[in-house]
Amino acid sequence: MKELTTDQLCKGKKVVLFAVPGAFTPTCSMKHLPGFIDKAEEIKAKGAATIACVSVNDAFVMDAWGKSVGAGDKVLMLSDGNGQFAKALGVELDLSDKGLGLRSRRYALLAEDGVVKVLNLEEGGAFTVSSADAILEALG
């Protein structure tokens, strides 16, 4: 496990980054992450150098989750262990009332050379605009 800066992830590349509220949670595990795994070849064929999934979970959880769903080299699994990335983007979600603490809102973004070109940010617990299909549409 190693640290990765946004510059290292995005500089000179087209990157798809999607965030989920939590690893191993129902929508994230049954729809969101599997959708990007299934569509990875199509997304990369449209120019994305990297597809990455980030969640406010520790790196060991993200690694185990990626292995359990077969992310392999299709989706890079990233940990935002303390929620600092979510806070920096202004997408933090306080789920303390549900016993889940600070999380990230669900979203998918397309960045080119570190500049966000598309941000599909979900409201509440929805899963409508941040899917792999929505990103494929944004890629044209």
Foldseek 3Di string as FASTA:
>chain_A
DDDDDLLNVAAQAKEKEWEDFDQPDVCCLPFAVVQQLVCLVVLVVLGHPAYEYEKQDDPVSQVVSCVVNVCDRSYHYYHPPVCPVQVVVVQWDAPVVVVSGIMGFTWMFIDHNSHTPDIGTDDDPDDDQHHPVNVSVVSD
